[in-house]
Amino acid sequence: MKEKLSKRNTVLINIRAAEKEGDGSGAGFNELVERLDGQVSRATVSKALDSLFDMGILDSDWVLESGKWRKKISIANEAKPMVDKMIADLNERGLI
């Protein structure tokens, strides 16, 4: 991702990508930190998530994976069309 995007949008785009690549349940915090290694610091990921949760863009659920409960962060159903439109627009403009 190019430096032109805000860190918050970088986190948001990666959450949506994780949803599409996986089973749709989203991504865990550590998974996001790993995906964004070298682009966004762990502390910035945490701050971006707080902001996106406060805006109502994100949702989370507990999912049982390999016998362990994990909190998965995903895009709220109401926000998915907006996020997909934003990603399409950024792709069209060559920003991602």
C-alpha atoms as a PDB file:
ATOM      1  CA  MET A   1       0.000   0.000   0.000  1.00  0.00           C
ATOM      2  CA  LYS A   2       1.310   3.402  -0.843  1.00  0.00           C
ATOM      3  CA  GLU A   3       2.207   6.010   1.749  1.00  0.00           C
ATOM      4  CA  LYS A   4      -0.677   8.229   0.575  1.00  0.00           C
ATOM      5  CA  LEU A   5      -3.249   6.311   2.627  1.00  0.00           C
ATOM      6  CA  SER A   6      -3.940   7.028   6.259  1.00  0.00           C
ATOM      7  CA  LYS A   7      -2.919   4.321   8.693  1.00  0.00           C
ATOM      8  CA  ARG A   8      -6.589   3.900   9.649  1.00  0.00           C
ATOM      9  CA  ASN A   9      -7.573   3.247   6.025  1.00  0.00           C
ATOM     10  CA  THR A  10      -4.648   0.844   5.639  1.00  0.00           C
ATOM     11  CA  VAL A  11      -5.940  -1.146   8.639  1.00  0.00           C
ATOM     12  CA  LEU A  12      -9.515  -1.048   7.319  1.00  0.00           C
ATOM     13  CA  ILE A  13      -8.492  -2.275   3.857  1.00  0.00           C
ATOM     14  CA  ASN A  14      -6.520  -5.145   5.390  1.00  0.00           C
ATOM     15  CA  ILE A  15      -9.460  -6.219   7.544  1.00  0.00           C
ATOM     16  CA  ARG A  16     -11.672  -6.332   4.445  1.00  0.00           C
ATOM     17  CA  ALA A  17      -8.985  -8.281   2.560  1.00  0.00           C
ATOM     18  CA  ALA A  18      -8.766 -10.802   5.426  1.00  0.00           C
ATOM     19  CA  GLU A  19     -12.550 -11.244   5.298  1.00  0.00           C
ATOM     20  CA  LYS A  20     -12.494 -11.919   1.578  1.00  0.00           C
ATOM     21  CA  GLU A  21      -9.477 -14.251   1.734  1.00  0.00           C
ATOM     22  CA  GLY A  22     -10.791 -16.278   4.648  1.00  0.00           C
ATOM     23  CA  ASP A  23     -14.162 -17.535   5.727  1.00  0.00           C
ATOM     24  CA  GLY A  24     -15.611 -14.048   6.153  1.00  0.00           C
ATOM     25  CA  SER A  25     -15.111 -13.933   9.913  1.00  0.00           C
ATOM     26  CA  GLY A  26     -12.458 -11.220   9.746  1.00  0.00           C
ATOM     27  CA  ALA A  27      -9.033 -11.078  11.336  1.00  0.00           C
ATOM     28  CA  GLY A  28      -7.617 -11.291  14.816  1.00  0.00           C
ATOM     29  CA  PHE A  29      -5.509  -8.475  16.237  1.00  0.00           C
ATOM     30  CA  ASN A  30      -2.232 -10.398  15.982  1.00  0.00           C
ATOM     31  CA  GLU A  31      -3.058 -11.431  12.418  1.00  0.00           C
ATOM     32  CA  LEU A  32      -3.559  -7.771  11.496  1.00  0.00           C
ATOM     33  CA  VAL A  33      -0.269  -6.791  13.112  1.00  0.00           C
ATOM     34  CA  GLU A  34       1.494  -9.527  11.110  1.00  0.00           C
ATOM     35  CA  ARG A  35      -0.216  -8.492   7.854  1.00  0.00           C
ATOM     36  CA  LEU A  36       0.823  -4.885   8.402  1.00  0.00           C
ATOM     37  CA  ASP A  37       4.367  -5.573   9.598  1.00  0.00           C
ATOM     38  CA  GLY A  38       6.630  -2.845   8.236  1.00  0.00           C
ATOM     39  CA  GLN A  39       3.702  -0.613   7.274  1.00  0.00           C
ATOM     40  CA  VAL A  40       1.897   0.143  10.531  1.00  0.00           C
ATOM     41  CA  SER A  41       3.142  -0.296  14.093  1.00  0.00           C
ATOM     42  CA  ARG A  42       1.304  -2.452  16.630  1.00  0.00           C
ATOM     43  CA  ALA A  43       0.324   0.649  18.651  1.00  0.00           C
ATOM     44  CA  THR A  44      -1.021   2.400  15.549  1.00  0.00           C
ATOM     45  CA  VAL A  45      -3.069  -0.683  14.607  1.00  0.00           C
ATOM     46  CA  SER A  46      -4.595  -0.593  18.102  1.00  0.00           C
ATOM     47  CA  LYS A  47      -5.400   3.130  17.849  1.00  0.00           C
ATOM     48  CA  ALA A  48      -6.878   2.696  14.363  1.00  0.00           C
ATOM     49  CA  LEU A  49      -9.091  -0.163  15.588  1.00  0.00           C
ATOM     50  CA  ASP A  50     -10.329   1.941  18.519  1.00  0.00           C
ATOM     51  CA  SER A  51     -11.226   4.757  16.149  1.00  0.00           C
ATOM     52  CA  LEU A  52     -12.966   2.451  13.649  1.00  0.00           C
ATOM     53  CA  PHE A  53     -14.940   0.735  16.440  1.00  0.00           C
ATOM     54  CA  ASP A  54     -15.988   4.150  17.783  1.00  0.00           C
ATOM     55  CA  MET A  55     -17.263   5.130  14.325  1.00  0.00           C
ATOM     56  CA  GLY A  56     -19.306   1.921  14.104  1.00  0.00           C
ATOM     57  CA  ILE A  57     -17.410   0.668  11.070  1.00  0.00           C
ATOM     58  CA  LEU A  58     -16.066  -2.448  12.790  1.00  0.00           C
ATOM     59  CA  ASP A  59     -17.676  -5.313  14.644  1.00  0.00           C
ATOM     60  CA  SER A  60     -16.184  -8.271  16.494  1.00  0.00           C
ATOM     61  CA  ASP A  61     -17.197 -11.804  17.398  1.00  0.00           C
ATOM     62  CA  TRP A  62     -15.661 -14.647  19.348  1.00  0.00           C
ATOM     63  CA  VAL A  63     -14.871 -17.646  17.120  1.00  0.00           C
ATOM     64  CA  LEU A  64     -13.727 -21.134  18.154  1.00  0.00           C
ATOM     65  CA  GLU A  65     -10.615 -22.049  16.113  1.00  0.00           C
ATOM     66  CA  SER A  66      -8.564 -25.165  16.777  1.00  0.00           C
ATOM     67  CA  GLY A  67     -10.065 -25.526  20.238  1.00  0.00           C
ATOM     68  CA  LYS A  68      -9.278 -21.917  21.227  1.00  0.00           C
ATOM     69  CA  TRP A  69     -11.575 -18.922  21.380  1.00  0.00           C
ATOM     70  CA  ARG A  70     -10.329 -15.974  19.334  1.00  0.00           C
ATOM     71  CA  LYS A  71     -11.785 -12.516  18.872  1.00  0.00           C
ATOM     72  CA  LYS A  72     -12.242 -11.763  15.167  1.00  0.00           C
ATOM     73  CA  ILE A  73     -12.553  -8.187  13.939  1.00  0.00           C
ATOM     74  CA  SER A  74     -14.681  -7.614  10.859  1.00  0.00           C
ATOM     75  CA  ILE A  75     -16.395  -4.849   8.947  1.00  0.00           C
ATOM     76  CA  ALA A  76     -19.910  -4.181  10.260  1.00  0.00           C
ATOM     77  CA  ASN A  77     -22.591  -5.337   7.808  1.00  0.00           C
ATOM     78  CA  GLU A  78     -23.914  -1.790   7.433  1.00  0.00           C
ATOM     79  CA  ALA A  79     -20.441  -0.485   6.545  1.00  0.00           C
ATOM     80  CA  LYS A  80     -19.408  -3.163   4.012  1.00  0.00           C
ATOM     81  CA  PRO A  81     -20.889  -1.391   0.959  1.00  0.00           C
ATOM     82  CA  MET A  82     -19.172   1.867   1.957  1.00  0.00           C
ATOM     83  CA  VAL A  83     -15.812   0.134   2.532  1.00  0.00           C
ATOM     84  CA  ASP A  84     -16.063  -1.779  -0.756  1.00  0.00           C
ATOM     85  CA  LYS A  85     -16.874   1.474  -2.589  1.00  0.00           C
ATOM     86  CA  MET A  86     -13.930   3.206  -0.925  1.00  0.00           C
ATOM     87  CA  ILE A  87     -11.587   0.361  -1.923  1.00  0.00           C
ATOM     88  CA  ALA A  88     -12.882   0.398  -5.528  1.00  0.00           C
ATOM     89  CA  ASP A  89     -12.406   4.166  -5.692  1.00  0.00           C
ATOM     90  CA  LEU A  90      -8.863   3.955  -4.307  1.00  0.00           C
ATOM     91  CA  ASN A  91      -8.056   1.173  -6.821  1.00  0.00           C
ATOM     92  CA  GLU A  92      -9.466   3.226  -9.671  1.00  0.00           C
ATOM     93  CA  ARG A  93      -7.309   6.211  -8.670  1.00  0.00           C
ATOM     94  CA  GLY A  94      -4.229   3.995  -8.353  1.00  0.00           C
ATOM     95  CA  LEU A  95      -3.740   4.637  -4.652  1.00  0.00           C
ATOM     96  CA  ILE A  96      -3.719   0.953  -3.680  1.00  0.00           C
END
